[in-house]
Amino acid sequence: MTYLADSHAHLVDKAYKKDEGEVVQRAYDNGVRLIINVGYDLKTSLASVDLAGDYDFIYTAAGIHPHDAKNVPDNYQDRLKKLAGKDKVVAIGEMGLDYYRDMSPRKVQQEVFREQLMVAQELKLPVIIHDREAHEDVLKIIEEEEGGKNGGVFHCFSGDWTMAKRCLELGFYVSIAGPVTFKNSKTLQEVARKLPLDKILVETDCPYLTPVPFRGKRNEPAYVKYTAEQITSIRNMNWKELALATYENTKRVFNID
């Protein structure tokens, strides 16, 4: 069987409260052999650490989403560092800027983003970047803080090819999610076609952004194969080659043996 990796999932979301085990089993049955389950605040980061302890092929990341930046306690950086020392924590994130929903003031988002980049640098860990309608500020802060020093991922990439090239130059991998399967995603499809094979990841961002043919329903890691299949078609390449590349790329960026 050809192995797949889901490089960004949120399995501690309440959407999986009743059937988490079944969802994980379906992923395994569909060839997913690596899942990075990502925290978005201190509570979900801790829950993700516990989840990773329950399954051999699930790893985790601890971080503060920009939506939650306004709610961080004064000692959140120390708590992140403590979480990062737990078994199977492979990155700091997700972190970044979200100017679409603006659920935290932009200056607060920027401050917490910079602070988390510094935590990751101190711990020599890669970072997982959330960027929604904030491309220039995200890149500016990463450049100023040398945020790509230990590598990382622009997850659920939403920029164009020009931006993707800047991300690559800064030392990042680029992760493609379910929207690449949508008919109106020509810009993202161009990025998926042009990315170097050794720098591309696939993800679900579940329970969100469900790919075709399940668009509109709850997403889950098993569906990452539909994103991978679409990219295979766009790139006119062998399915097994793409699956292997994205699986190995995920292990490499997160330093998983």
C-alpha atoms as a PDB file:
ATOM      1  CA  MET A   1       0.000   0.000   0.000  1.00  0.00           C
ATOM      2  CA  THR A   2       1.125   3.534  -0.783  1.00  0.00           C
ATOM      3  CA  TYR A   3       1.466   5.626   2.362  1.00  0.00           C
ATOM      4  CA  LEU A   4       0.034   9.105   2.820  1.00  0.00           C
ATOM      5  CA  ALA A   5       0.543  11.855   5.398  1.00  0.00           C
ATOM      6  CA  ASP A   6      -2.000  14.380   6.602  1.00  0.00           C
ATOM      7  CA  SER A   7       0.294  17.215   7.596  1.00  0.00           C
ATOM      8  CA  HIS A   8      -2.384  19.274   9.395  1.00  0.00           C
ATOM      9  CA  ALA A   9      -5.432  17.978  11.272  1.00  0.00           C
ATOM     10  CA  HIS A  10      -7.537  19.025  14.267  1.00  0.00           C
ATOM     11  CA  LEU A  11      -8.805  15.730  15.644  1.00  0.00           C
ATOM     12  CA  VAL A  12      -9.383  17.138  19.132  1.00  0.00           C
ATOM     13  CA  ASP A  13     -12.149  19.311  17.689  1.00  0.00           C
ATOM     14  CA  LYS A  14     -15.609  18.666  19.108  1.00  0.00           C
ATOM     15  CA  ALA A  15     -16.644  17.420  15.647  1.00  0.00           C
ATOM     16  CA  TYR A  16     -14.944  14.104  16.495  1.00  0.00           C
ATOM     17  CA  LYS A  17     -16.127  13.773  20.069  1.00  0.00           C
ATOM     18  CA  LYS A  18     -18.365  10.778  19.320  1.00  0.00           C
ATOM     19  CA  ASP A  19     -16.263   8.843  16.808  1.00  0.00           C
ATOM     20  CA  GLU A  20     -12.594   9.803  17.094  1.00  0.00           C
ATOM     21  CA  GLY A  21     -11.434   6.174  17.062  1.00  0.00           C
ATOM     22  CA  GLU A  22     -13.452   5.359  13.950  1.00  0.00           C
ATOM     23  CA  VAL A  23     -12.088   8.437  12.165  1.00  0.00           C
ATOM     24  CA  VAL A  24      -8.500   7.469  12.984  1.00  0.00           C
ATOM     25  CA  GLN A  25      -9.125   3.898  11.864  1.00  0.00           C
ATOM     26  CA  ARG A  26     -10.603   5.075   8.544  1.00  0.00           C
ATOM     27  CA  ALA A  27      -7.501   7.154   7.952  1.00  0.00           C
ATOM     28  CA  TYR A  28      -5.296   4.128   8.562  1.00  0.00           C
ATOM     29  CA  ASP A  29      -7.469   1.933   6.330  1.00  0.00           C
ATOM     30  CA  ASN A  30      -7.047   4.485   3.527  1.00  0.00           C
ATOM     31  CA  GLY A  31      -3.257   4.436   3.713  1.00  0.00           C
ATOM     32  CA  VAL A  32      -2.645   7.413   6.014  1.00  0.00           C
ATOM     33  CA  ARG A  33       0.381   6.482   8.098  1.00  0.00           C
ATOM     34  CA  LEU A  34       1.285   9.893   9.509  1.00  0.00           C
ATOM     35  CA  ILE A  35      -0.945  12.624  10.946  1.00  0.00           C
ATOM     36  CA  ILE A  36       0.253  15.907  12.431  1.00  0.00           C
ATOM     37  CA  ASN A  37      -2.491  16.962  14.837  1.00  0.00           C
ATOM     38  CA  VAL A  38      -2.202  20.688  15.479  1.00  0.00           C
ATOM     39  CA  GLY A  39      -3.163  22.703  18.548  1.00  0.00           C
ATOM     40  CA  TYR A  40      -4.590  26.192  18.248  1.00  0.00           C
ATOM     41  CA  ASP A  41      -4.560  27.244  21.921  1.00  0.00           C
ATOM     42  CA  LEU A  42      -3.100  25.876  25.153  1.00  0.00           C
ATOM     43  CA  LYS A  43      -6.090  23.618  25.842  1.00  0.00           C
ATOM     44  CA  THR A  44      -6.163  21.967  22.424  1.00  0.00           C
ATOM     45  CA  SER A  45      -2.371  21.726  22.353  1.00  0.00           C
ATOM     46  CA  LEU A  46      -2.440  19.721  25.574  1.00  0.00           C
ATOM     47  CA  ALA A  47      -5.286  17.573  24.265  1.00  0.00           C
ATOM     48  CA  SER A  48      -3.277  16.957  21.099  1.00  0.00           C
ATOM     49  CA  VAL A  49      -0.332  15.729  23.160  1.00  0.00           C
ATOM     50  CA  ASP A  50      -2.665  13.239  24.850  1.00  0.00           C
ATOM     51  CA  LEU A  51      -4.104  12.158  21.492  1.00  0.00           C
ATOM     52  CA  ALA A  52      -0.653  11.539  20.042  1.00  0.00           C
ATOM     53  CA  GLY A  53       0.076   9.300  23.004  1.00  0.00           C
ATOM     54  CA  ASP A  54      -2.846   7.081  22.009  1.00  0.00           C
ATOM     55  CA  TYR A  55      -1.807   6.416  18.388  1.00  0.00           C
ATOM     56  CA  ASP A  56       1.596   5.441  17.026  1.00  0.00           C
ATOM     57  CA  PHE A  57       1.227   7.382  13.771  1.00  0.00           C
ATOM     58  CA  ILE A  58      -0.081  10.664  15.196  1.00  0.00           C
ATOM     59  CA  TYR A  59       2.313  13.474  16.157  1.00  0.00           C
ATOM     60  CA  THR A  60       1.437  16.944  17.335  1.00  0.00           C
ATOM     61  CA  ALA A  61       2.232  20.652  17.426  1.00  0.00           C
ATOM     62  CA  ALA A  62       1.557  23.206  20.157  1.00  0.00           C
ATOM     63  CA  GLY A  63       0.672  26.792  19.403  1.00  0.00           C
ATOM     64  CA  ILE A  64      -1.669  29.766  19.550  1.00  0.00           C
ATOM     65  CA  HIS A  65      -3.890  30.513  16.547  1.00  0.00           C
ATOM     66  CA  PRO A  66      -4.252  34.226  15.718  1.00  0.00           C
ATOM     67  CA  HIS A  67      -7.961  34.007  16.575  1.00  0.00           C
ATOM     68  CA  ASP A  68      -6.950  33.202  20.167  1.00  0.00           C
ATOM     69  CA  ALA A  69      -4.085  35.701  20.467  1.00  0.00           C
ATOM     70  CA  LYS A  70      -6.176  38.109  22.539  1.00  0.00           C
ATOM     71  CA  ASN A  71      -6.825  35.421  25.152  1.00  0.00           C
ATOM     72  CA  VAL A  72      -3.292  34.247  25.946  1.00  0.00           C
ATOM     73  CA  PRO A  73      -2.286  34.285  29.623  1.00  0.00           C
ATOM     74  CA  ASP A  74       0.857  36.136  30.678  1.00  0.00           C
ATOM     75  CA  ASN A  75       2.805  32.876  31.073  1.00  0.00           C
ATOM     76  CA  TYR A  76       1.714  31.295  27.796  1.00  0.00           C
ATOM     77  CA  GLN A  77       5.238  31.195  26.360  1.00  0.00           C
ATOM     78  CA  ASP A  78       6.527  29.200  29.326  1.00  0.00           C
ATOM     79  CA  ARG A  79       3.555  26.856  29.015  1.00  0.00           C
ATOM     80  CA  LEU A  80       4.239  26.394  25.313  1.00  0.00           C
ATOM     81  CA  LYS A  81       7.852  25.530  26.064  1.00  0.00           C
ATOM     82  CA  LYS A  82       6.728  22.971  28.628  1.00  0.00           C
ATOM     83  CA  LEU A  83       4.305  21.430  26.133  1.00  0.00           C
ATOM     84  CA  ALA A  84       7.022  21.347  23.485  1.00  0.00           C
ATOM     85  CA  GLY A  85       9.065  19.113  25.759  1.00  0.00           C
ATOM     86  CA  LYS A  86       6.378  16.435  25.714  1.00  0.00           C
ATOM     87  CA  ASP A  87       6.784  13.268  23.683  1.00  0.00           C
ATOM     88  CA  LYS A  88       5.835  13.535  19.982  1.00  0.00           C
ATOM     89  CA  VAL A  89       5.551  17.340  19.869  1.00  0.00           C
ATOM     90  CA  VAL A  90       7.316  18.175  16.606  1.00  0.00           C
ATOM     91  CA  ALA A  91       6.562  21.862  15.960  1.00  0.00           C
ATOM     92  CA  ILE A  92       5.291  25.151  17.347  1.00  0.00           C
ATOM     93  CA  GLY A  93       2.002  26.193  15.761  1.00  0.00           C
ATOM     94  CA  GLU A  94      -0.282  26.894  14.354  1.00  0.00           C
ATOM     95  CA  MET A  95       0.571  30.560  14.588  1.00  0.00           C
ATOM     96  CA  GLY A  96       0.339  33.549  12.316  1.00  0.00           C
ATOM     97  CA  LEU A  97      -2.091  36.233  11.198  1.00  0.00           C
ATOM     98  CA  ASP A  98      -5.737  36.158  10.160  1.00  0.00           C
ATOM     99  CA  TYR A  99      -7.019  39.415   8.698  1.00  0.00           C
ATOM    100  CA  TYR A 100     -10.130  37.762   7.255  1.00  0.00           C
ATOM    101  CA  ARG A 101     -12.001  37.232  10.523  1.00  0.00           C
ATOM    102  CA  ASP A 102      -9.960  39.649  12.689  1.00  0.00           C
ATOM    103  CA  MET A 103     -11.040  37.839  15.860  1.00  0.00           C
ATOM    104  CA  SER A 104      -8.053  39.335  17.697  1.00  0.00           C
ATOM    105  CA  PRO A 105      -6.722  42.877  17.199  1.00  0.00           C
ATOM    106  CA  ARG A 106      -4.070  42.886  14.496  1.00  0.00           C
ATOM    107  CA  LYS A 107      -1.360  44.340  16.719  1.00  0.00           C
ATOM    108  CA  VAL A 108      -2.013  41.597  19.269  1.00  0.00           C
ATOM    109  CA  GLN A 109      -1.905  38.940  16.541  1.00  0.00           C
ATOM    110  CA  GLN A 110       1.426  40.294  15.365  1.00  0.00           C
ATOM    111  CA  GLU A 111       2.903  40.395  18.862  1.00  0.00           C
ATOM    112  CA  VAL A 112       1.886  36.823  19.718  1.00  0.00           C
ATOM    113  CA  PHE A 113       3.105  35.644  16.318  1.00  0.00           C
ATOM    114  CA  ARG A 114       6.550  37.171  16.901  1.00  0.00           C
ATOM    115  CA  GLU A 115       6.720  35.712  20.408  1.00  0.00           C
ATOM    116  CA  GLN A 116       5.940  32.213  19.163  1.00  0.00           C
ATOM    117  CA  LEU A 117       8.541  32.469  16.419  1.00  0.00           C
ATOM    118  CA  MET A 118      11.073  33.294  19.137  1.00  0.00           C
ATOM    119  CA  VAL A 119       9.928  30.313  21.235  1.00  0.00           C
ATOM    120  CA  ALA A 120      10.416  28.027  18.240  1.00  0.00           C
ATOM    121  CA  GLN A 121      13.873  29.444  17.610  1.00  0.00           C
ATOM    122  CA  GLU A 122      14.869  28.919  21.225  1.00  0.00           C
ATOM    123  CA  LEU A 123      13.696  25.306  21.061  1.00  0.00           C
ATOM    124  CA  LYS A 124      15.056  24.763  17.528  1.00  0.00           C
ATOM    125  CA  LEU A 125      11.679  23.538  16.305  1.00  0.00           C
ATOM    126  CA  PRO A 126       9.945  24.101  12.945  1.00  0.00           C
ATOM    127  CA  VAL A 127       6.861  26.297  12.803  1.00  0.00           C
ATOM    128  CA  ILE A 128       3.383  25.906  11.306  1.00  0.00           C
ATOM    129  CA  ILE A 129       2.152  29.147   9.768  1.00  0.00           C
ATOM    130  CA  HIS A 130      -1.479  30.263   9.463  1.00  0.00           C
ATOM    131  CA  ASP A 131      -1.897  33.065   6.921  1.00  0.00           C
ATOM    132  CA  ARG A 132      -5.264  34.336   5.781  1.00  0.00           C
ATOM    133  CA  GLU A 133      -5.431  37.581   3.834  1.00  0.00           C
ATOM    134  CA  ALA A 134      -2.277  38.756   5.619  1.00  0.00           C
ATOM    135  CA  HIS A 135       0.420  37.671   3.185  1.00  0.00           C
ATOM    136  CA  GLU A 136       2.702  40.698   3.296  1.00  0.00           C
ATOM    137  CA  ASP A 137       2.652  41.108   7.071  1.00  0.00           C
ATOM    138  CA  VAL A 138       3.240  37.396   7.639  1.00  0.00           C
ATOM    139  CA  LEU A 139       6.250  37.376   5.328  1.00  0.00           C
ATOM    140  CA  LYS A 140       7.579  40.640   6.802  1.00  0.00           C
ATOM    141  CA  ILE A 141       7.443  39.294  10.367  1.00  0.00           C
ATOM    142  CA  ILE A 142       9.044  35.988   9.377  1.00  0.00           C
ATOM    143  CA  GLU A 143      11.857  37.841   7.631  1.00  0.00           C
ATOM    144  CA  GLU A 144      12.417  40.198  10.567  1.00  0.00           C
ATOM    145  CA  GLU A 145      12.395  37.382  13.138  1.00  0.00           C
ATOM    146  CA  GLU A 146      14.293  34.875  10.951  1.00  0.00           C
ATOM    147  CA  GLY A 147      11.319  32.603  11.434  1.00  0.00           C
ATOM    148  CA  GLY A 148      12.369  30.077   8.813  1.00  0.00           C
ATOM    149  CA  LYS A 149      15.667  29.288  10.513  1.00  0.00           C
ATOM    150  CA  ASN A 150      14.473  25.851  11.677  1.00  0.00           C
ATOM    151  CA  GLY A 151      12.119  25.244   8.779  1.00  0.00           C
ATOM    152  CA  GLY A 152       8.380  24.989   8.805  1.00  0.00           C
ATOM    153  CA  VAL A 153       5.184  24.897   6.798  1.00  0.00           C
ATOM    154  CA  PHE A 154       2.801  27.426   5.321  1.00  0.00           C
ATOM    155  CA  HIS A 155      -0.301  25.390   5.981  1.00  0.00           C
ATOM    156  CA  CYS A 156      -3.443  25.503   3.836  1.00  0.00           C
ATOM    157  CA  PHE A 157      -1.625  27.758   1.405  1.00  0.00           C
ATOM    158  CA  SER A 158      -3.819  30.494  -0.078  1.00  0.00           C
ATOM    159  CA  GLY A 159      -1.369  32.719  -1.920  1.00  0.00           C
ATOM    160  CA  ASP A 160      -0.226  32.796  -5.530  1.00  0.00           C
ATOM    161  CA  TRP A 161       2.909  31.398  -7.151  1.00  0.00           C
ATOM    162  CA  THR A 162       4.886  34.602  -6.513  1.00  0.00           C
ATOM    163  CA  MET A 163       4.206  34.284  -2.806  1.00  0.00           C
ATOM    164  CA  ALA A 164       4.934  30.548  -2.844  1.00  0.00           C
ATOM    165  CA  LYS A 165       8.388  31.282  -4.256  1.00  0.00           C
ATOM    166  CA  ARG A 166       9.040  33.717  -1.385  1.00  0.00           C
ATOM    167  CA  CYS A 167       8.003  31.044   1.124  1.00  0.00           C
ATOM    168  CA  LEU A 168      10.398  28.570  -0.461  1.00  0.00           C
ATOM    169  CA  GLU A 169      13.208  31.135  -0.366  1.00  0.00           C
ATOM    170  CA  LEU A 170      12.587  31.594   3.366  1.00  0.00           C
ATOM    171  CA  GLY A 171      13.059  27.866   3.945  1.00  0.00           C
ATOM    172  CA  PHE A 172       9.429  26.741   4.148  1.00  0.00           C
ATOM    173  CA  TYR A 173       7.446  23.856   2.760  1.00  0.00           C
ATOM    174  CA  VAL A 174       4.038  24.615   1.244  1.00  0.00           C
ATOM    175  CA  SER A 175       1.005  22.548   2.191  1.00  0.00           C
ATOM    176  CA  ILE A 176      -1.986  22.136  -0.102  1.00  0.00           C
ATOM    177  CA  ALA A 177      -5.455  21.456   1.301  1.00  0.00           C
ATOM    178  CA  GLY A 178      -8.912  20.540  -0.024  1.00  0.00           C
ATOM    179  CA  PRO A 179      -9.642  23.797  -1.880  1.00  0.00           C
ATOM    180  CA  VAL A 180      -7.293  22.631  -4.653  1.00  0.00           C
ATOM    181  CA  THR A 181     -10.133  20.286  -5.670  1.00  0.00           C
ATOM    182  CA  PHE A 182     -12.594  23.167  -6.139  1.00  0.00           C
ATOM    183  CA  LYS A 183     -13.399  24.291  -9.688  1.00  0.00           C
ATOM    184  CA  ASN A 184     -12.585  27.961  -8.997  1.00  0.00           C
ATOM    185  CA  SER A 185      -9.145  27.313  -7.453  1.00  0.00           C
ATOM    186  CA  LYS A 186      -7.044  28.060 -10.528  1.00  0.00           C
ATOM    187  CA  THR A 187      -4.439  30.083  -8.599  1.00  0.00           C
ATOM    188  CA  LEU A 188      -3.929  27.322  -6.033  1.00  0.00           C
ATOM    189  CA  GLN A 189      -3.810  24.708  -8.768  1.00  0.00           C
ATOM    190  CA  GLU A 190      -1.023  26.671 -10.446  1.00  0.00           C
ATOM    191  CA  VAL A 191       0.930  26.637  -7.172  1.00  0.00           C
ATOM    192  CA  ALA A 192       0.357  22.880  -6.779  1.00  0.00           C
ATOM    193  CA  ARG A 193       1.625  22.316 -10.318  1.00  0.00           C
ATOM    194  CA  LYS A 194       4.781  24.426  -9.951  1.00  0.00           C
ATOM    195  CA  LEU A 195       5.969  23.547  -6.430  1.00  0.00           C
ATOM    196  CA  PRO A 196       9.177  21.481  -6.284  1.00  0.00           C
ATOM    197  CA  LEU A 197       8.281  17.889  -5.466  1.00  0.00           C
ATOM    198  CA  ASP A 198      10.539  17.940  -2.403  1.00  0.00           C
ATOM    199  CA  LYS A 199       8.729  20.977  -0.918  1.00  0.00           C
ATOM    200  CA  ILE A 200       5.060  20.070  -1.212  1.00  0.00           C
ATOM    201  CA  LEU A 201       2.829  18.691   1.556  1.00  0.00           C
ATOM    202  CA  VAL A 202      -0.842  17.702   1.605  1.00  0.00           C
ATOM    203  CA  GLU A 203      -3.303  18.205   4.437  1.00  0.00           C
ATOM    204  CA  THR A 204      -6.963  18.176   5.382  1.00  0.00           C
ATOM    205  CA  ASP A 205      -7.132  20.942   8.022  1.00  0.00           C
ATOM    206  CA  CYS A 206     -10.029  18.791   9.197  1.00  0.00           C
ATOM    207  CA  PRO A 207     -12.799  19.221  10.163  1.00  0.00           C
ATOM    208  CA  TYR A 208     -12.673  22.155   7.736  1.00  0.00           C
ATOM    209  CA  LEU A 209     -12.152  22.585   3.972  1.00  0.00           C
ATOM    210  CA  THR A 210     -13.448  19.197   2.870  1.00  0.00           C
ATOM    211  CA  PRO A 211     -12.338  18.281  -0.648  1.00  0.00           C
ATOM    212  CA  VAL A 212     -14.568  17.232  -3.510  1.00  0.00           C
ATOM    213  CA  PRO A 213     -16.427  14.799  -3.553  1.00  0.00           C
ATOM    214  CA  PHE A 214     -17.351  15.377   0.117  1.00  0.00           C
ATOM    215  CA  ARG A 215     -17.388  19.178   0.053  1.00  0.00           C
ATOM    216  CA  GLY A 216     -19.907  20.542   2.567  1.00  0.00           C
ATOM    217  CA  LYS A 217     -19.512  17.614   4.957  1.00  0.00           C
ATOM    218  CA  ARG A 218     -17.167  17.108   7.895  1.00  0.00           C
ATOM    219  CA  ASN A 219     -13.590  16.596   6.766  1.00  0.00           C
ATOM    220  CA  GLU A 220     -11.298  13.864   8.144  1.00  0.00           C
ATOM    221  CA  PRO A 221      -7.757  12.570   7.497  1.00  0.00           C
ATOM    222  CA  ALA A 222      -8.928   9.736   5.225  1.00  0.00           C
ATOM    223  CA  TYR A 223      -9.969  12.393   2.700  1.00  0.00           C
ATOM    224  CA  VAL A 224      -6.418  13.645   2.204  1.00  0.00           C
ATOM    225  CA  LYS A 225      -6.185  11.141  -0.633  1.00  0.00           C
ATOM    226  CA  TYR A 226      -8.616  13.237  -2.711  1.00  0.00           C
ATOM    227  CA  THR A 227      -6.367  16.272  -2.406  1.00  0.00           C
ATOM    228  CA  ALA A 228      -3.368  14.146  -3.342  1.00  0.00           C
ATOM    229  CA  GLU A 229      -5.215  12.667  -6.320  1.00  0.00           C
ATOM    230  CA  GLN A 230      -6.106  16.138  -7.602  1.00  0.00           C
ATOM    231  CA  ILE A 231      -2.494  17.280  -7.335  1.00  0.00           C
ATOM    232  CA  THR A 232      -1.396  14.127  -9.159  1.00  0.00           C
ATOM    233  CA  SER A 233      -3.759  15.010 -11.978  1.00  0.00           C
ATOM    234  CA  ILE A 234      -2.652  18.656 -12.076  1.00  0.00           C
ATOM    235  CA  ARG A 235       1.023  17.658 -12.219  1.00  0.00           C
ATOM    236  CA  ASN A 236       0.408  14.760 -14.622  1.00  0.00           C
ATOM    237  CA  MET A 237       2.531  12.465 -12.497  1.00  0.00           C
ATOM    238  CA  ASN A 238       2.455   9.034 -10.929  1.00  0.00           C
ATOM    239  CA  TRP A 239       0.174   8.754  -7.869  1.00  0.00           C
ATOM    240  CA  LYS A 240       2.598   6.612  -5.880  1.00  0.00           C
ATOM    241  CA  GLU A 241       5.434   9.054  -6.527  1.00  0.00           C
ATOM    242  CA  LEU A 242       3.427  11.996  -5.198  1.00  0.00           C
ATOM    243  CA  ALA A 243       2.151  10.064  -2.173  1.00  0.00           C
ATOM    244  CA  LEU A 244       5.661   8.926  -1.273  1.00  0.00           C
ATOM    245  CA  ALA A 245       7.109  12.410  -1.757  1.00  0.00           C
ATOM    246  CA  THR A 246       4.531  14.147   0.441  1.00  0.00           C
ATOM    247  CA  TYR A 247       4.852  11.437   3.099  1.00  0.00           C
ATOM    248  CA  GLU A 248       8.653  11.742   3.185  1.00  0.00           C
ATOM    249  CA  ASN A 249       8.481  15.555   3.051  1.00  0.00           C
ATOM    250  CA  THR A 250       6.226  15.579   6.125  1.00  0.00           C
ATOM    251  CA  LYS A 251       8.664  13.390   8.026  1.00  0.00           C
ATOM    252  CA  ARG A 252      11.562  15.569   6.968  1.00  0.00           C
ATOM    253  CA  VAL A 253      10.142  18.987   7.876  1.00  0.00           C
ATOM    254  CA  PHE A 254       9.025  17.736  11.291  1.00  0.00           C
ATOM    255  CA  ASN A 255      12.182  15.682  11.918  1.00  0.00           C
ATOM    256  CA  ILE A 256      10.286  12.419  12.342  1.00  0.00           C
ATOM    257  CA  ASP A 257      12.407   9.299  12.019  1.00  0.00           C
END
